[in-house]
Amino acid sequence: MGRIVVGAWALLVSIWAGMVGGAVVFEPSIDHVPLYAVSFTLVAFPAAYATISRNPEVFATAHRPGRVATYILVSFVVTVLFAVPFELLLGHTSGVAVVAQLVAFTLGLWAGLYAAYGGGLDAAFERYT
């Protein structure tokens, strides 16, 4: 798979992640949601590109049921598990709190990508079906 194809897939994943990240983060104001969405897209792109480029065999099994649901659920759960304690400890208006939420979302994105596309779902599919 060429760089253009991997880049296109990574861009699609990172744009989606940016929109979700912009909505998930406990933003200080609704006015900042577009800024968060763009920031999360920029952070998500390298993670998505690295995961997709290291696992090109995923596209041979892209038809497997549950891949997108696994990605969404794992991303959401991990993000919430990290973001809520950060929000309770740091608040949600300081710069440190926003960076902590960005870290939480990045961890959620990475976990979702690994679970759905990095081998987690494929290993479970092979073992239990």
C-alpha atoms as a PDB file:
ATOM      1  CA  MET A   1       0.000   0.000   0.000  1.00  0.00           C
ATOM      2  CA  GLY A   2       1.441   3.342  -1.046  1.00  0.00           C
ATOM      3  CA  ARG A   3       2.079   6.413   1.026  1.00  0.00           C
ATOM      4  CA  ILE A   4      -0.806   8.280  -0.580  1.00  0.00           C
ATOM      5  CA  VAL A   5      -3.330   5.596   0.359  1.00  0.00           C
ATOM      6  CA  VAL A   6      -1.996   5.328   3.907  1.00  0.00           C
ATOM      7  CA  GLY A   7      -1.970   9.111   4.198  1.00  0.00           C
ATOM      8  CA  ALA A   8      -5.544   9.353   2.931  1.00  0.00           C
ATOM      9  CA  TRP A   9      -6.796   6.772   5.423  1.00  0.00           C
ATOM     10  CA  ALA A  10      -4.851   8.406   8.243  1.00  0.00           C
ATOM     11  CA  LEU A  11      -6.294  11.792   7.291  1.00  0.00           C
ATOM     12  CA  LEU A  12      -9.844  10.431   7.360  1.00  0.00           C
ATOM     13  CA  VAL A  13      -9.294   8.805  10.738  1.00  0.00           C
ATOM     14  CA  SER A  14      -7.643  11.907  12.177  1.00  0.00           C
ATOM     15  CA  ILE A  15     -10.386  14.256  10.943  1.00  0.00           C
ATOM     16  CA  TRP A  16     -12.990  12.025  12.549  1.00  0.00           C
ATOM     17  CA  ALA A  17     -10.903  11.894  15.716  1.00  0.00           C
ATOM     18  CA  GLY A  18     -10.568  15.677  15.647  1.00  0.00           C
ATOM     19  CA  MET A  19     -14.311  16.176  15.456  1.00  0.00           C
ATOM     20  CA  VAL A  20     -14.941  13.693  18.257  1.00  0.00           C
ATOM     21  CA  GLY A  21     -12.079  15.096  20.327  1.00  0.00           C
ATOM     22  CA  GLY A  22     -13.401  18.614  19.916  1.00  0.00           C
ATOM     23  CA  ALA A  23     -16.759  17.457  21.223  1.00  0.00           C
ATOM     24  CA  VAL A  24     -15.473  15.173  23.999  1.00  0.00           C
ATOM     25  CA  VAL A  25     -13.031  17.493  25.720  1.00  0.00           C
ATOM     26  CA  PHE A  26     -14.369  19.549  28.609  1.00  0.00           C
ATOM     27  CA  GLU A  27     -13.813  22.833  26.837  1.00  0.00           C
ATOM     28  CA  PRO A  28     -13.818  26.137  28.713  1.00  0.00           C
ATOM     29  CA  SER A  29     -16.168  27.607  26.152  1.00  0.00           C
ATOM     30  CA  ILE A  30     -18.162  26.434  23.166  1.00  0.00           C
ATOM     31  CA  ASP A  31     -16.245  29.049  21.175  1.00  0.00           C
ATOM     32  CA  HIS A  32     -13.111  26.910  21.383  1.00  0.00           C
ATOM     33  CA  VAL A  33     -14.542  23.679  19.935  1.00  0.00           C
ATOM     34  CA  PRO A  34     -13.233  24.364  16.390  1.00  0.00           C
ATOM     35  CA  LEU A  35      -9.766  25.045  17.840  1.00  0.00           C
ATOM     36  CA  TYR A  36      -9.887  21.746  19.733  1.00  0.00           C
ATOM     37  CA  ALA A  37     -11.094  19.891  16.636  1.00  0.00           C
ATOM     38  CA  VAL A  38      -8.205  21.197  14.543  1.00  0.00           C
ATOM     39  CA  SER A  39      -5.699  20.541  17.353  1.00  0.00           C
ATOM     40  CA  PHE A  40      -6.909  16.989  17.851  1.00  0.00           C
ATOM     41  CA  THR A  41      -6.789  16.356  14.103  1.00  0.00           C
ATOM     42  CA  LEU A  42      -3.163  17.469  14.030  1.00  0.00           C
ATOM     43  CA  VAL A  43      -2.316  15.239  16.991  1.00  0.00           C
ATOM     44  CA  ALA A  44      -4.297  12.276  15.651  1.00  0.00           C
ATOM     45  CA  PHE A  45      -2.769  12.245  12.172  1.00  0.00           C
ATOM     46  CA  PRO A  46       0.701  10.956  13.152  1.00  0.00           C
ATOM     47  CA  ALA A  47      -0.833   8.286  15.401  1.00  0.00           C
ATOM     48  CA  ALA A  48      -3.225   7.156  12.692  1.00  0.00           C
ATOM     49  CA  TYR A  49      -0.531   7.194  10.005  1.00  0.00           C
ATOM     50  CA  ALA A  50       1.890   5.161  12.132  1.00  0.00           C
ATOM     51  CA  THR A  51      -0.739   2.588  13.082  1.00  0.00           C
ATOM     52  CA  ILE A  52      -2.085   2.151   9.564  1.00  0.00           C
ATOM     53  CA  SER A  53       1.340   2.059   7.901  1.00  0.00           C
ATOM     54  CA  ARG A  54       2.616  -0.583  10.341  1.00  0.00           C
ATOM     55  CA  ASN A  55      -0.433  -2.790   9.826  1.00  0.00           C
ATOM     56  CA  PRO A  56      -1.272  -2.863   6.097  1.00  0.00           C
ATOM     57  CA  GLU A  57      -2.817  -6.318   6.449  1.00  0.00           C
ATOM     58  CA  VAL A  58      -5.760  -4.692   8.222  1.00  0.00           C
ATOM     59  CA  PHE A  59      -7.229  -3.655   4.892  1.00  0.00           C
ATOM     60  CA  ALA A  60      -7.349  -7.280   3.786  1.00  0.00           C
ATOM     61  CA  THR A  61      -9.664  -7.943   6.737  1.00  0.00           C
ATOM     62  CA  ALA A  62     -11.491  -4.608   6.808  1.00  0.00           C
ATOM     63  CA  HIS A  63     -14.789  -6.411   6.230  1.00  0.00           C
ATOM     64  CA  ARG A  64     -14.723  -7.966   9.701  1.00  0.00           C
ATOM     65  CA  PRO A  65     -17.739  -6.952  11.733  1.00  0.00           C
ATOM     66  CA  GLY A  66     -17.195  -4.817  14.770  1.00  0.00           C
ATOM     67  CA  ARG A  67     -13.992  -3.037  13.702  1.00  0.00           C
ATOM     68  CA  VAL A  68     -15.453   0.484  13.681  1.00  0.00           C
ATOM     69  CA  ALA A  69     -17.548  -0.159  16.795  1.00  0.00           C
ATOM     70  CA  THR A  70     -14.466  -1.422  18.625  1.00  0.00           C
ATOM     71  CA  TYR A  71     -12.526   1.681  17.608  1.00  0.00           C
ATOM     72  CA  ILE A  72     -15.266   4.050  18.762  1.00  0.00           C
ATOM     73  CA  LEU A  73     -15.993   2.272  22.041  1.00  0.00           C
ATOM     74  CA  VAL A  74     -12.379   1.789  23.103  1.00  0.00           C
ATOM     75  CA  SER A  75     -11.468   5.368  22.151  1.00  0.00           C
ATOM     76  CA  PHE A  76     -14.395   6.740  24.130  1.00  0.00           C
ATOM     77  CA  VAL A  77     -13.900   4.580  27.231  1.00  0.00           C
ATOM     78  CA  VAL A  78     -10.160   5.191  27.507  1.00  0.00           C
ATOM     79  CA  THR A  79     -10.575   8.928  26.888  1.00  0.00           C
ATOM     80  CA  VAL A  80     -13.242   9.232  29.571  1.00  0.00           C
ATOM     81  CA  LEU A  81     -11.256   7.120  32.051  1.00  0.00           C
ATOM     82  CA  PHE A  82      -8.306   9.496  31.736  1.00  0.00           C
ATOM     83  CA  ALA A  83     -10.121  12.808  31.129  1.00  0.00           C
ATOM     84  CA  VAL A  84     -12.503  12.699  34.082  1.00  0.00           C
ATOM     85  CA  PRO A  85      -9.812  12.390  36.787  1.00  0.00           C
ATOM     86  CA  PHE A  86      -7.776  15.105  35.043  1.00  0.00           C
ATOM     87  CA  GLU A  87     -10.827  17.352  34.972  1.00  0.00           C
ATOM     88  CA  LEU A  88     -11.603  16.707  38.632  1.00  0.00           C
ATOM     89  CA  LEU A  89      -8.005  17.345  39.716  1.00  0.00           C
ATOM     90  CA  LEU A  90      -7.082  20.229  37.423  1.00  0.00           C
ATOM     91  CA  GLY A  91     -10.393  21.834  36.512  1.00  0.00           C
ATOM     92  CA  HIS A  92     -11.158  22.538  32.893  1.00  0.00           C
ATOM     93  CA  THR A  93     -10.130  26.108  32.218  1.00  0.00           C
ATOM     94  CA  SER A  94      -6.380  26.152  32.793  1.00  0.00           C
ATOM     95  CA  GLY A  95      -3.828  25.479  30.106  1.00  0.00           C
ATOM     96  CA  VAL A  96      -2.506  22.464  32.004  1.00  0.00           C
ATOM     97  CA  ALA A  97      -6.017  21.004  32.165  1.00  0.00           C
ATOM     98  CA  VAL A  98      -6.511  21.402  28.424  1.00  0.00           C
ATOM     99  CA  VAL A  99      -3.158  19.733  27.723  1.00  0.00           C
ATOM    100  CA  ALA A 100      -4.077  16.906  30.134  1.00  0.00           C
ATOM    101  CA  GLN A 101      -7.352  16.421  28.260  1.00  0.00           C
ATOM    102  CA  LEU A 102      -5.448  16.363  24.990  1.00  0.00           C
ATOM    103  CA  VAL A 103      -3.183  13.659  26.432  1.00  0.00           C
ATOM    104  CA  ALA A 104      -6.234  11.695  27.581  1.00  0.00           C
ATOM    105  CA  PHE A 105      -7.768  11.897  24.125  1.00  0.00           C
ATOM    106  CA  THR A 106      -4.487  10.891  22.482  1.00  0.00           C
ATOM    107  CA  LEU A 107      -4.288   7.832  24.735  1.00  0.00           C
ATOM    108  CA  GLY A 108      -7.896   6.996  23.868  1.00  0.00           C
ATOM    109  CA  LEU A 109      -7.182   7.362  20.173  1.00  0.00           C
ATOM    110  CA  TRP A 110      -4.108   5.164  20.391  1.00  0.00           C
ATOM    111  CA  ALA A 111      -5.946   2.472  22.363  1.00  0.00           C
ATOM    112  CA  GLY A 112      -8.866   2.513  19.915  1.00  0.00           C
ATOM    113  CA  LEU A 113      -6.569   2.284  16.910  1.00  0.00           C
ATOM    114  CA  TYR A 114      -4.642  -0.585  18.455  1.00  0.00           C
ATOM    115  CA  ALA A 115      -7.744  -2.480  19.523  1.00  0.00           C
ATOM    116  CA  ALA A 116      -9.500  -2.122  16.179  1.00  0.00           C
ATOM    117  CA  TYR A 117      -6.689  -1.900  13.646  1.00  0.00           C
ATOM    118  CA  GLY A 118      -3.451  -2.859  15.379  1.00  0.00           C
ATOM    119  CA  GLY A 119      -4.224  -6.490  16.028  1.00  0.00           C
ATOM    120  CA  GLY A 120      -6.532  -6.596  19.044  1.00  0.00           C
ATOM    121  CA  LEU A 121      -9.764  -7.253  17.159  1.00  0.00           C
ATOM    122  CA  ASP A 122      -8.060  -9.552  14.655  1.00  0.00           C
ATOM    123  CA  ALA A 123      -6.577 -11.685  17.447  1.00  0.00           C
ATOM    124  CA  ALA A 124      -9.964 -11.969  19.162  1.00  0.00           C
ATOM    125  CA  PHE A 125     -11.683 -12.754  15.839  1.00  0.00           C
ATOM    126  CA  GLU A 126      -9.193 -15.533  15.046  1.00  0.00           C
ATOM    127  CA  ARG A 127      -9.408 -17.011  18.516  1.00  0.00           C
ATOM    128  CA  TYR A 128     -13.165 -16.984  19.052  1.00  0.00           C
ATOM    129  CA  THR A 129     -14.606 -17.550  15.579  1.00  0.00           C
END
